[in-house]
C-alpha atoms as a PDB file:
ATOM      1  CA  MET A   1     -19.221  11.764  19.090  1.00  0.00           C
ATOM      2  CA  GLN A   2     -20.162  11.418  15.755  1.00  0.00           C
ATOM      3  CA  GLY A   3     -16.795  10.486  14.268  1.00  0.00           C
ATOM      4  CA  LYS A   4     -16.416   7.606  16.774  1.00  0.00           C
ATOM      5  CA  LEU A   5     -19.792   6.059  15.841  1.00  0.00           C
ATOM      6  CA  PHE A   6     -18.728   6.227  12.199  1.00  0.00           C
ATOM      7  CA  PHE A   7     -15.251   4.122  13.682  1.00  0.00           C
ATOM      8  CA  ALA A   8     -17.683   1.900  15.350  1.00  0.00           C
ATOM      9  CA  ALA A   9     -20.121   1.462  12.749  1.00  0.00           C
ATOM     10  CA  LEU A  10     -17.172   0.770  10.319  1.00  0.00           C
ATOM     11  CA  ALA A  11     -14.992  -1.455  12.200  1.00  0.00           C
ATOM     12  CA  GLY A  12     -18.636  -3.989  12.967  1.00  0.00           C
ATOM     13  CA  ALA A  13     -19.265  -3.845   8.986  1.00  0.00           C
ATOM     14  CA  ALA A  14     -15.595  -5.071   8.366  1.00  0.00           C
ATOM     15  CA  CYS A  15     -15.877  -7.979  11.124  1.00  0.00           C
ATOM     16  CA  VAL A  16     -19.924  -9.166   9.482  1.00  0.00           C
ATOM     17  CA  LEU A  17     -18.596  -8.355   5.750  1.00  0.00           C
ATOM     18  CA  PRO A  18     -16.723 -12.018   5.235  1.00  0.00           C
ATOM     19  CA  PHE A  19     -19.996 -13.998   6.626  1.00  0.00           C
ATOM     20  CA  VAL A  20     -22.286 -12.161   4.537  1.00  0.00           C
ATOM     21  CA  LEU A  21     -20.426 -12.056   0.887  1.00  0.00           C
ATOM     22  CA  PRO A  22     -19.492 -14.900  -1.500  1.00  0.00           C
ATOM     23  CA  SER A  23     -15.666 -16.412  -1.005  1.00  0.00           C
ATOM     24  CA  TYR A  24     -14.305 -14.608  -4.267  1.00  0.00           C
ATOM     25  CA  ALA A  25     -15.452 -11.296  -2.864  1.00  0.00           C
ATOM     26  CA  VAL A  26     -13.869 -12.125   0.598  1.00  0.00           C
ATOM     27  CA  PHE A  27     -10.838 -12.519  -1.263  1.00  0.00           C
ATOM     28  CA  GLN A  28     -11.413  -9.563  -2.768  1.00  0.00           C
ATOM     29  CA  ALA A  29     -11.709  -7.539   0.407  1.00  0.00           C
ATOM     30  CA  THR A  30      -8.286  -9.057   1.742  1.00  0.00           C
ATOM     31  CA  LEU A  31      -6.455  -7.667  -1.255  1.00  0.00           C
ATOM     32  CA  VAL A  32      -7.901  -4.142  -0.224  1.00  0.00           C
ATOM     33  CA  ILE A  33      -6.343  -4.779   3.129  1.00  0.00           C
ATOM     34  CA  ALA A  34      -3.167  -5.620   1.211  1.00  0.00           C
ATOM     35  CA  TYR A  35      -2.823  -2.635  -1.187  1.00  0.00           C
ATOM     36  CA  ALA A  36      -4.523  -0.715   1.181  1.00  0.00           C
ATOM     37  CA  LEU A  37      -1.229  -0.978   3.632  1.00  0.00           C
ATOM     38  CA  ALA A  38       0.785  -1.018   0.249  1.00  0.00           C
ATOM     39  CA  LEU A  39      -0.207   2.834  -0.742  1.00  0.00           C
ATOM     40  CA  LEU A  40       0.033   3.563   3.079  1.00  0.00           C
ATOM     41  CA  GLY A  41       3.675   3.240   3.170  1.00  0.00           C
ATOM     42  CA  LEU A  42       3.457   5.423  -0.382  1.00  0.00           C
ATOM     43  CA  ASN A  43       1.156   7.972   1.469  1.00  0.00           C
ATOM     44  CA  LEU A  44       4.122   8.693   3.899  1.00  0.00           C
ATOM     45  CA  LEU A  45       6.980   8.739   1.642  1.00  0.00           C
ATOM     46  CA  THR A  46       4.925  11.244  -1.227  1.00  0.00           C
ATOM     47  CA  GLY A  47       2.046  12.655   0.903  1.00  0.00           C
ATOM     48  CA  PHE A  48       3.260  13.751   3.908  1.00  0.00           C
ATOM     49  CA  ASN A  49       7.299  13.958   3.223  1.00  0.00           C
ATOM     50  CA  GLY A  50       7.336  15.146  -0.244  1.00  0.00           C
ATOM     51  CA  GLN A  51       9.420  12.440  -2.025  1.00  0.00           C
ATOM     52  CA  ILE A  52       7.740  11.100  -5.123  1.00  0.00           C
ATOM     53  CA  SER A  53       8.551   7.673  -5.911  1.00  0.00           C
ATOM     54  CA  LEU A  54       7.362   5.719  -9.257  1.00  0.00           C
ATOM     55  CA  GLY A  55       9.323   2.015  -7.846  1.00  0.00           C
ATOM     56  CA  HIS A  56       7.193   1.132  -5.041  1.00  0.00           C
ATOM     57  CA  GLY A  57       6.292  -1.733  -7.134  1.00  0.00           C
ATOM     58  CA  ALA A  58       9.799  -2.955  -6.223  1.00  0.00           C
ATOM     59  CA  PHE A  59       8.708  -2.629  -2.456  1.00  0.00           C
ATOM     60  CA  PHE A  60       5.529  -4.421  -3.251  1.00  0.00           C
ATOM     61  CA  ALA A  61       7.474  -7.823  -5.228  1.00  0.00           C
ATOM     62  CA  LEU A  62      10.232  -7.549  -2.230  1.00  0.00           C
ATOM     63  CA  GLY A  63       7.701  -8.169   0.153  1.00  0.00           C
ATOM     64  CA  ALA A  64       5.615 -10.655  -1.551  1.00  0.00           C
ATOM     65  CA  TYR A  65       8.644 -12.435  -2.649  1.00  0.00           C
ATOM     66  CA  VAL A  66      10.370 -12.628   1.052  1.00  0.00           C
ATOM     67  CA  ALA A  67       7.303 -14.518   2.113  1.00  0.00           C
ATOM     68  CA  ALA A  68       7.250 -16.445  -0.816  1.00  0.00           C
ATOM     69  CA  MET A  69      10.405 -17.800  -0.317  1.00  0.00           C
ATOM     70  CA  LEU A  70      10.247 -18.362   3.352  1.00  0.00           C
ATOM     71  CA  MET A  71       6.972 -20.365   3.133  1.00  0.00           C
ATOM     72  CA  GLU A  72       8.317 -22.527   0.392  1.00  0.00           C
ATOM     73  CA  HIS A  73      11.734 -22.940   0.824  1.00  0.00           C
ATOM     74  CA  ALA A  74      12.458 -22.321   4.436  1.00  0.00           C
ATOM     75  CA  GLY A  75       8.800 -24.092   5.993  1.00  0.00           C
ATOM     76  CA  TRP A  76       8.099 -20.570   7.715  1.00  0.00           C
ATOM     77  CA  PRO A  77       4.566 -20.073   9.103  1.00  0.00           C
ATOM     78  CA  TYR A  78       2.657 -17.372   6.767  1.00  0.00           C
ATOM     79  CA  TRP A  79       2.272 -14.686   9.992  1.00  0.00           C
ATOM     80  CA  ALA A  80       6.044 -15.271  10.586  1.00  0.00           C
ATOM     81  CA  THR A  81       7.074 -13.704   6.924  1.00  0.00           C
ATOM     82  CA  LEU A  82       5.484 -10.311   7.603  1.00  0.00           C
ATOM     83  CA  PRO A  83       8.359  -9.293  10.307  1.00  0.00           C
ATOM     84  CA  ALA A  84      10.287 -10.525   7.862  1.00  0.00           C
ATOM     85  CA  ALA A  85       9.255  -8.876   4.807  1.00  0.00           C
ATOM     86  CA  ALA A  86       8.893  -5.659   7.040  1.00  0.00           C
ATOM     87  CA  ALA A  87      12.630  -6.180   7.895  1.00  0.00           C
ATOM     88  CA  CYS A  88      13.748  -6.157   4.798  1.00  0.00           C
ATOM     89  CA  GLY A  89      11.652  -3.929   3.318  1.00  0.00           C
ATOM     90  CA  GLY A  90      12.678  -1.621   6.013  1.00  0.00           C
ATOM     91  CA  VAL A  91      16.358  -2.071   5.293  1.00  0.00           C
ATOM     92  CA  VAL A  92      16.313  -2.154   1.283  1.00  0.00           C
ATOM     93  CA  GLY A  93      14.459   1.285   1.564  1.00  0.00           C
ATOM     94  CA  TYR A  94      16.882   2.847   3.820  1.00  0.00           C
ATOM     95  CA  LEU A  95      19.477   2.056   1.665  1.00  0.00           C
ATOM     96  CA  PHE A  96      17.756   3.079  -1.562  1.00  0.00           C
ATOM     97  CA  GLY A  97      16.998   6.508   0.367  1.00  0.00           C
ATOM     98  CA  LEU A  98      20.922   7.264   1.218  1.00  0.00           C
ATOM     99  CA  PRO A  99      22.198   8.053  -2.453  1.00  0.00           C
ATOM    100  CA  ALA A 100      18.448   9.418  -3.215  1.00  0.00           C
ATOM    101  CA  LEU A 101      19.024  12.175  -1.108  1.00  0.00           C
ATOM    102  CA  LYS A 102      21.153  13.408  -3.818  1.00  0.00           C
ATOM    103  CA  LEU A 103      17.987  13.730  -5.722  1.00  0.00           C
ATOM    104  CA  ASP A 104      14.560  15.700  -5.887  1.00  0.00           C
ATOM    105  CA  GLY A 105      11.323  16.186  -7.649  1.00  0.00           C
ATOM    106  CA  VAL A 106      11.189  14.601 -11.083  1.00  0.00           C
ATOM    107  CA  TYR A 107      14.890  13.138 -10.601  1.00  0.00           C
ATOM    108  CA  LEU A 108      13.973  10.558  -7.656  1.00  0.00           C
ATOM    109  CA  ALA A 109      10.731   9.951  -9.197  1.00  0.00           C
ATOM    110  CA  LEU A 110      13.187   8.815 -12.626  1.00  0.00           C
ATOM    111  CA  ALA A 111      15.614   7.033 -10.080  1.00  0.00           C
ATOM    112  CA  THR A 112      12.941   5.093  -8.619  1.00  0.00           C
ATOM    113  CA  PHE A 113      11.071   4.445 -12.100  1.00  0.00           C
ATOM    114  CA  ALA A 114      14.594   2.393 -12.896  1.00  0.00           C
ATOM    115  CA  LEU A 115      14.242   0.396  -9.940  1.00  0.00           C
ATOM    116  CA  GLY A 116      10.701  -0.466 -10.604  1.00  0.00           C
ATOM    117  CA  VAL A 117      11.460  -1.592 -13.873  1.00  0.00           C
ATOM    118  CA  ALA A 118      14.455  -3.209 -13.548  1.00  0.00           C
ATOM    119  CA  THR A 119      12.446  -5.159 -10.569  1.00  0.00           C
ATOM    120  CA  PRO A 120      11.006  -8.018 -12.895  1.00  0.00           C
ATOM    121  CA  GLN A 121      14.632  -8.786 -14.450  1.00  0.00           C
ATOM    122  CA  LEU A 122      16.147  -9.301 -11.356  1.00  0.00           C
ATOM    123  CA  LEU A 123      13.657 -11.881 -10.309  1.00  0.00           C
ATOM    124  CA  LYS A 124      14.092 -13.742 -13.563  1.00  0.00           C
ATOM    125  CA  TYR A 125      18.126 -13.660 -13.259  1.00  0.00           C
ATOM    126  CA  LYS A 126      18.847 -17.285 -13.529  1.00  0.00           C
ATOM    127  CA  GLY A 127      20.889 -16.965 -10.569  1.00  0.00           C
ATOM    128  CA  PHE A 128      18.484 -16.257  -8.327  1.00  0.00           C
ATOM    129  CA  GLU A 129      15.932 -19.069 -10.413  1.00  0.00           C
ATOM    130  CA  ALA A 130      16.314 -21.655  -7.401  1.00  0.00           C
ATOM    131  CA  TRP A 131      14.692 -19.430  -4.832  1.00  0.00           C
ATOM    132  CA  THR A 132      12.442 -17.200  -6.545  1.00  0.00           C
ATOM    133  CA  GLY A 133      10.853 -20.096  -9.111  1.00  0.00           C
ATOM    134  CA  GLY A 134      12.097 -17.506 -12.352  1.00  0.00           C
ATOM    135  CA  SER A 135       9.927 -16.863 -14.798  1.00  0.00           C
ATOM    136  CA  GLN A 136       7.299 -19.724 -13.482  1.00  0.00           C
ATOM    137  CA  GLY A 137       6.937 -17.873  -9.872  1.00  0.00           C
ATOM    138  CA  LEU A 138       6.190 -19.856  -6.724  1.00  0.00           C
ATOM    139  CA  VAL A 139       2.895 -21.583  -5.601  1.00  0.00           C
ATOM    140  CA  LEU A 140       1.647 -21.213  -2.235  1.00  0.00           C
ATOM    141  CA  VAL A 141      -1.010 -22.938  -0.203  1.00  0.00           C
ATOM    142  CA  LYS A 142      -3.321 -20.754   1.572  1.00  0.00           C
ATOM    143  CA  PRO A 143      -3.262 -21.026   5.458  1.00  0.00           C
ATOM    144  CA  GLU A 144      -6.011 -22.612   7.401  1.00  0.00           C
ATOM    145  CA  ALA A 145      -7.692 -21.690  10.425  1.00  0.00           C
ATOM    146  CA  PRO A 146      -6.036 -22.552  13.691  1.00  0.00           C
ATOM    147  CA  PHE A 147      -7.523 -23.568  16.843  1.00  0.00           C
ATOM    148  CA  GLY A 148     -10.336 -25.394  15.647  1.00  0.00           C
ATOM    149  CA  LEU A 149     -12.233 -21.913  14.440  1.00  0.00           C
ATOM    150  CA  PRO A 150     -15.345 -22.148  12.388  1.00  0.00           C
ATOM    151  CA  LEU A 151     -14.027 -19.916   9.275  1.00  0.00           C
ATOM    152  CA  ASP A 152     -12.701 -21.149   6.108  1.00  0.00           C
ATOM    153  CA  ALA A 153      -9.179 -20.745   4.364  1.00  0.00           C
ATOM    154  CA  ASP A 154      -9.922 -16.617   3.115  1.00  0.00           C
ATOM    155  CA  GLN A 155     -12.376 -15.467   5.845  1.00  0.00           C
ATOM    156  CA  TRP A 156      -9.299 -16.424   8.209  1.00  0.00           C
ATOM    157  CA  LEU A 157      -7.036 -14.445   6.435  1.00  0.00           C
ATOM    158  CA  TYR A 158      -9.343 -11.896   6.173  1.00  0.00           C
ATOM    159  CA  PHE A 159      -9.569 -11.419   9.605  1.00  0.00           C
ATOM    160  CA  PHE A 160      -5.828 -11.957   9.818  1.00  0.00           C
ATOM    161  CA  SER A 161      -5.238  -9.493   7.354  1.00  0.00           C
ATOM    162  CA  LEU A 162      -7.610  -7.431   9.424  1.00  0.00           C
ATOM    163  CA  VAL A 163      -5.994  -6.976  12.640  1.00  0.00           C
ATOM    164  CA  VAL A 164      -1.919  -6.584  11.021  1.00  0.00           C
ATOM    165  CA  ALA A 165      -3.699  -3.848   8.901  1.00  0.00           C
ATOM    166  CA  VAL A 166      -5.622  -2.079  12.298  1.00  0.00           C
ATOM    167  CA  ALA A 167      -1.858  -2.231  13.699  1.00  0.00           C
ATOM    168  CA  LEU A 168      -0.092  -0.857  11.263  1.00  0.00           C
ATOM    169  CA  PHE A 169      -2.652   2.005  10.276  1.00  0.00           C
ATOM    170  CA  ALA A 170      -2.734   2.536  14.199  1.00  0.00           C
ATOM    171  CA  ALA A 171       1.276   2.989  14.606  1.00  0.00           C
ATOM    172  CA  ALA A 172       1.246   5.103  11.267  1.00  0.00           C
ATOM    173  CA  ARG A 173      -1.096   7.228  13.001  1.00  0.00           C
ATOM    174  CA  ASN A 174       0.406   7.869  16.275  1.00  0.00           C
ATOM    175  CA  LEU A 175       4.185   8.295  14.241  1.00  0.00           C
ATOM    176  CA  LEU A 176       2.083  11.221  12.113  1.00  0.00           C
ATOM    177  CA  ARG A 177       1.251  12.686  15.476  1.00  0.00           C
ATOM    178  CA  GLY A 178       4.542  12.584  17.381  1.00  0.00           C
ATOM    179  CA  GLY A 179       7.646  14.866  16.916  1.00  0.00           C
ATOM    180  CA  SER A 180       9.037  12.519  13.921  1.00  0.00           C
ATOM    181  CA  GLY A 181       5.832  12.652  11.273  1.00  0.00           C
ATOM    182  CA  LEU A 182       5.894  16.525  12.447  1.00  0.00           C
ATOM    183  CA  SER A 183       9.742  16.522  10.893  1.00  0.00           C
ATOM    184  CA  MET A 184       8.653  14.662   8.010  1.00  0.00           C
ATOM    185  CA  VAL A 185       5.819  17.699   7.106  1.00  0.00           C
ATOM    186  CA  ALA A 186       8.235  20.506   8.049  1.00  0.00           C
ATOM    187  CA  VAL A 187      10.784  18.865   5.333  1.00  0.00           C
ATOM    188  CA  ARG A 188       7.968  18.227   2.392  1.00  0.00           C
ATOM    189  CA  ASP A 189       6.537  21.910   3.302  1.00  0.00           C
ATOM    190  CA  HIS A 190      10.058  23.845   3.928  1.00  0.00           C
ATOM    191  CA  ALA A 191      13.069  21.850   3.883  1.00  0.00           C
ATOM    192  CA  ILE A 192      15.236  24.900   4.589  1.00  0.00           C
ATOM    193  CA  ALA A 193      13.400  26.035   7.350  1.00  0.00           C
ATOM    194  CA  ALA A 194      13.688  22.630   9.208  1.00  0.00           C
ATOM    195  CA  GLN A 195      16.709  22.450   8.662  1.00  0.00           C
ATOM    196  CA  ALA A 196      17.054  25.850  10.439  1.00  0.00           C
ATOM    197  CA  MET A 197      15.402  24.854  13.788  1.00  0.00           C
ATOM    198  CA  GLY A 198      17.630  21.609  13.919  1.00  0.00           C
ATOM    199  CA  VAL A 199      16.007  18.983  11.573  1.00  0.00           C
ATOM    200  CA  ASP A 200      18.438  17.026  10.225  1.00  0.00           C
ATOM    201  CA  ASN A 201      16.889  16.517   6.994  1.00  0.00           C
ATOM    202  CA  ALA A 202      18.787  13.767   5.598  1.00  0.00           C
ATOM    203  CA  ARG A 203      17.768  11.391   8.751  1.00  0.00           C
ATOM    204  CA  VAL A 204      14.268  12.449   8.324  1.00  0.00           C
ATOM    205  CA  LYS A 205      14.386  11.337   4.392  1.00  0.00           C
ATOM    206  CA  THR A 206      16.167   8.177   4.676  1.00  0.00           C
ATOM    207  CA  LEU A 207      14.262   6.899   7.904  1.00  0.00           C
ATOM    208  CA  THR A 208      11.038   7.711   6.209  1.00  0.00           C
ATOM    209  CA  PHE A 209      12.116   5.687   2.524  1.00  0.00           C
ATOM    210  CA  GLY A 210      12.359   2.897   5.377  1.00  0.00           C
ATOM    211  CA  VAL A 211       9.197   3.204   7.051  1.00  0.00           C
ATOM    212  CA  SER A 212       7.268   3.393   3.759  1.00  0.00           C
ATOM    213  CA  ALA A 213       8.958   0.883   2.226  1.00  0.00           C
ATOM    214  CA  MET A 214       8.401  -1.823   5.090  1.00  0.00           C
ATOM    215  CA  TYR A 215       4.405  -0.957   5.114  1.00  0.00           C
ATOM    216  CA  THR A 216       4.361  -1.886   1.409  1.00  0.00           C
ATOM    217  CA  SER A 217       6.500  -4.975   1.662  1.00  0.00           C
ATOM    218  CA  VAL A 218       3.896  -5.875   4.167  1.00  0.00           C
ATOM    219  CA  GLY A 219       1.333  -5.187   2.318  1.00  0.00           C
ATOM    220  CA  GLY A 220       2.836  -7.151  -0.618  1.00  0.00           C
ATOM    221  CA  ALA A 221       3.668 -10.257   1.557  1.00  0.00           C
ATOM    222  CA  LEU A 222      -0.519 -10.255   2.588  1.00  0.00           C
ATOM    223  CA  SER A 223      -0.778 -10.099  -1.041  1.00  0.00           C
ATOM    224  CA  ALA A 224       1.456 -13.020  -2.028  1.00  0.00           C
ATOM    225  CA  ILE A 225      -0.192 -14.905   0.935  1.00  0.00           C
ATOM    226  CA  ALA A 226      -3.740 -14.270  -0.257  1.00  0.00           C
ATOM    227  CA  VAL A 227      -3.046 -14.854  -4.064  1.00  0.00           C
ATOM    228  CA  GLN A 228      -0.888 -17.957  -3.223  1.00  0.00           C
ATOM    229  CA  PHE A 229       1.105 -17.236  -6.493  1.00  0.00           C
ATOM    230  CA  VAL A 230       4.119 -14.921  -7.127  1.00  0.00           C
ATOM    231  CA  ALA A 231       5.528 -14.326 -10.800  1.00  0.00           C
ATOM    232  CA  PRO A 232       8.274 -11.450 -11.751  1.00  0.00           C
ATOM    233  CA  ASP A 233       5.413 -10.370 -14.823  1.00  0.00           C
ATOM    234  CA  SER A 234       2.729  -9.592 -11.700  1.00  0.00           C
ATOM    235  CA  PHE A 235       5.582  -6.625 -10.484  1.00  0.00           C
ATOM    236  CA  ASN A 236       6.012  -4.741 -13.676  1.00  0.00           C
ATOM    237  CA  VAL A 237       6.408  -0.808 -13.560  1.00  0.00           C
ATOM    238  CA  PHE A 238       2.805  -0.453 -14.242  1.00  0.00           C
ATOM    239  CA  LEU A 239       2.347  -1.899 -10.353  1.00  0.00           C
ATOM    240  CA  SER A 240       4.742   1.140  -9.348  1.00  0.00           C
ATOM    241  CA  ILE A 241       2.410   3.041 -11.477  1.00  0.00           C
ATOM    242  CA  THR A 242      -0.865   2.098 -10.677  1.00  0.00           C
ATOM    243  CA  LEU A 243       0.395   2.165  -6.813  1.00  0.00           C
ATOM    244  CA  LEU A 244       0.829   6.014  -7.553  1.00  0.00           C
ATOM    245  CA  VAL A 245      -2.536   6.638  -9.088  1.00  0.00           C
ATOM    246  CA  GLY A 246      -3.955   5.290  -5.615  1.00  0.00           C
ATOM    247  CA  ALA A 247      -2.298   7.301  -3.374  1.00  0.00           C
ATOM    248  CA  VAL A 248      -3.260  10.348  -5.594  1.00  0.00           C
ATOM    249  CA  VAL A 249      -6.501   9.362  -5.872  1.00  0.00           C
ATOM    250  CA  GLY A 250      -7.563   8.195  -2.676  1.00  0.00           C
ATOM    251  CA  GLY A 251      -6.079  11.324  -1.381  1.00  0.00           C
ATOM    252  CA  LEU A 252      -2.081  12.569  -0.261  1.00  0.00           C
ATOM    253  CA  ALA A 253      -1.393  13.177   2.697  1.00  0.00           C
ATOM    254  CA  SER A 254      -4.269  11.151   4.347  1.00  0.00           C
ATOM    255  CA  LEU A 255      -4.471   8.209   6.208  1.00  0.00           C
ATOM    256  CA  SER A 256      -7.908   7.052   4.952  1.00  0.00           C
ATOM    257  CA  GLY A 257      -6.803   8.081   1.726  1.00  0.00           C
ATOM    258  CA  ALA A 258      -4.829   4.728   1.626  1.00  0.00           C
ATOM    259  CA  LEU A 259      -8.416   2.844   2.018  1.00  0.00           C
ATOM    260  CA  TYR A 260     -10.181   4.615  -0.803  1.00  0.00           C
ATOM    261  CA  GLY A 261      -7.137   4.337  -3.182  1.00  0.00           C
ATOM    262  CA  ALA A 262      -7.135   0.626  -2.799  1.00  0.00           C
ATOM    263  CA  ILE A 263     -10.654   0.185  -3.851  1.00  0.00           C
ATOM    264  CA  PHE A 264     -10.136   2.547  -6.439  1.00  0.00           C
ATOM    265  CA  ILE A 265      -6.974   0.612  -8.289  1.00  0.00           C
ATOM    266  CA  LEU A 266      -8.925  -2.852  -7.279  1.00  0.00           C
ATOM    267  CA  PHE A 267     -12.344  -2.510  -8.315  1.00  0.00           C
ATOM    268  CA  VAL A 268     -12.553   0.698 -11.306  1.00  0.00           C
ATOM    269  CA  PRO A 269     -10.209  -1.472 -13.831  1.00  0.00           C
ATOM    270  CA  GLN A 270     -12.628  -4.287 -13.485  1.00  0.00           C
ATOM    271  CA  LEU A 271     -15.312  -1.673 -13.475  1.00  0.00           C
ATOM    272  CA  ALA A 272     -14.337  -0.183 -16.904  1.00  0.00           C
ATOM    273  CA  GLU A 273     -14.074  -3.966 -18.264  1.00  0.00           C
ATOM    274  CA  GLN A 274     -17.703  -4.311 -18.153  1.00  0.00           C
ATOM    275  CA  VAL A 275     -18.358  -1.144 -19.276  1.00  0.00           C
ATOM    276  CA  SER A 276     -16.032  -1.362 -22.351  1.00  0.00           C
ATOM    277  CA  LYS A 277     -15.007  -4.905 -22.794  1.00  0.00           C
ATOM    278  CA  ALA A 278     -13.358  -3.366 -26.216  1.00  0.00           C
ATOM    279  CA  ALA A 279     -11.605  -0.151 -24.891  1.00  0.00           C
ATOM    280  CA  PRO A 280     -11.785  -0.884 -21.340  1.00  0.00           C
ATOM    281  CA  TRP A 281      -8.476   1.845 -20.343  1.00  0.00           C
ATOM    282  CA  ALA A 282     -10.599   4.543 -22.398  1.00  0.00           C
ATOM    283  CA  VAL A 283     -12.889   3.886 -19.514  1.00  0.00           C
ATOM    284  CA  TYR A 284     -10.886   4.108 -16.951  1.00  0.00           C
ATOM    285  CA  GLY A 285      -9.047   6.733 -17.581  1.00  0.00           C
ATOM    286  CA  VAL A 286     -12.743   8.812 -17.779  1.00  0.00           C
ATOM    287  CA  ILE A 287     -13.173   7.764 -14.398  1.00  0.00           C
ATOM    288  CA  LEU A 288     -10.082   9.152 -13.290  1.00  0.00           C
ATOM    289  CA  LEU A 289     -10.135  11.963 -15.148  1.00  0.00           C
ATOM    290  CA  VAL A 290     -13.395  12.791 -13.783  1.00  0.00           C
ATOM    291  CA  LEU A 291     -12.548  12.051  -9.857  1.00  0.00           C
ATOM    292  CA  MET A 292      -9.414  14.433 -10.286  1.00  0.00           C
ATOM    293  CA  LEU A 293     -12.009  17.306 -11.817  1.00  0.00           C
ATOM    294  CA  VAL A 294     -14.495  16.672  -9.508  1.00  0.00           C
ATOM    295  CA  TRP A 295     -12.306  15.314  -6.276  1.00  0.00           C
ATOM    296  CA  PRO A 296      -8.891  17.729  -7.128  1.00  0.00           C
ATOM    297  CA  THR A 297      -7.512  16.052  -3.320  1.00  0.00           C
ATOM    298  CA  GLY A 298      -8.421  12.681  -3.580  1.00  0.00           C
ATOM    299  CA  VAL A 299     -11.514  11.159  -2.094  1.00  0.00           C
ATOM    300  CA  ALA A 300     -10.469  11.402   1.321  1.00  0.00           C
ATOM    301  CA  GLY A 301     -10.603  15.526   0.531  1.00  0.00           C
ATOM    302  CA  GLY A 302     -13.527  15.052  -1.328  1.00  0.00           C
ATOM    303  CA  ALA A 303     -15.536  13.038   1.763  1.00  0.00           C
ATOM    304  CA  ALA A 304     -14.182  15.951   4.110  1.00  0.00           C
ATOM    305  CA  ARG A 305     -15.378  18.661   1.975  1.00  0.00           C
ATOM    306  CA  LEU A 306     -18.423  16.965   2.388  1.00  0.00           C
ATOM    307  CA  GLN A 307     -18.594  16.532   6.170  1.00  0.00           C
ATOM    308  CA  SER A 308     -18.330  19.957   6.738  1.00  0.00           C
ATOM    309  CA  TRP A 309     -21.052  21.005   4.490  1.00  0.00           C
ATOM    310  CA  PHE A 310     -23.126  18.645   6.012  1.00  0.00           C
ATOM    311  CA  ASN A 311     -22.380  19.716   9.180  1.00  0.00           C
ATOM    312  CA  THR A 312     -23.075  23.215   8.498  1.00  0.00           C
ATOM    313  CA  ARG A 313     -26.079  22.164   7.152  1.00  0.00           C
ATOM    314  CA  SER A 314     -27.206  20.429  10.338  1.00  0.00           C
ATOM    315  CA  LYS A 315     -26.235  23.635  12.583  1.00  0.00           C
ATOM    316  CA  ALA A 316     -28.054  25.668  10.287  1.00  0.00           C
END
């Protein structure tokens, strides 16, 4: 009952949010949603399936550029670009997952790191410049609210992103509760035992890679639509590392951890810069270190422990 009340309150707060915050804060909330979807994709791969990726920034960039190119060159409506970004991300992720089957642990991490390093250079390649805009990137127009709804562009895009995120989080929850989710976790925990029980490890790993890339690409597409701009330098390898940091800080193998991680990677660097303009990354490192020492299982794990302690105290 308490859980239902909490989620009802959370849903109500999410709906009221754009009407009480300034436009820039609403824009930031939309970015949190986009990053949460990207982290959810990475969490499916790393948290639930045990495959470490240091290159998910490449799939984030793929989704962003698919959305941007379809809007700019083909005149697609913004909402139609999301299924296209999801399809492209899923296919590319699945294909990348096939050769990655021969790799594991740090070797897979290194291979995905190479993907993240190469992506900005590929986006700058002159042969693709007519589509990608090269180093200059592409500028997009933020969509207005349809049907005469009394919402400005930032409010409408926030609600649109919120609906997409709720649908995808619900789909991920159903996936993890079903046989596919159990197979993913089984392969992570004990691959040999899972194979002995009839689980096709190779199929599970490649499909998980595809689904993970699909979610991250949708997050990238929403981010591009919100920011109204894409450029290769926005998707350097530091983005991939940041996404992994967000997934770990938020809490691996936790759906809510994706939201906590998105809040962390968007707001903590800003907070660190406000604390010290001379050494913001030193402040960022201290905050990260303290969080990991206090909550080694991430914010989601720490929140679960606090909830358990509170429930125990209330019954005493």
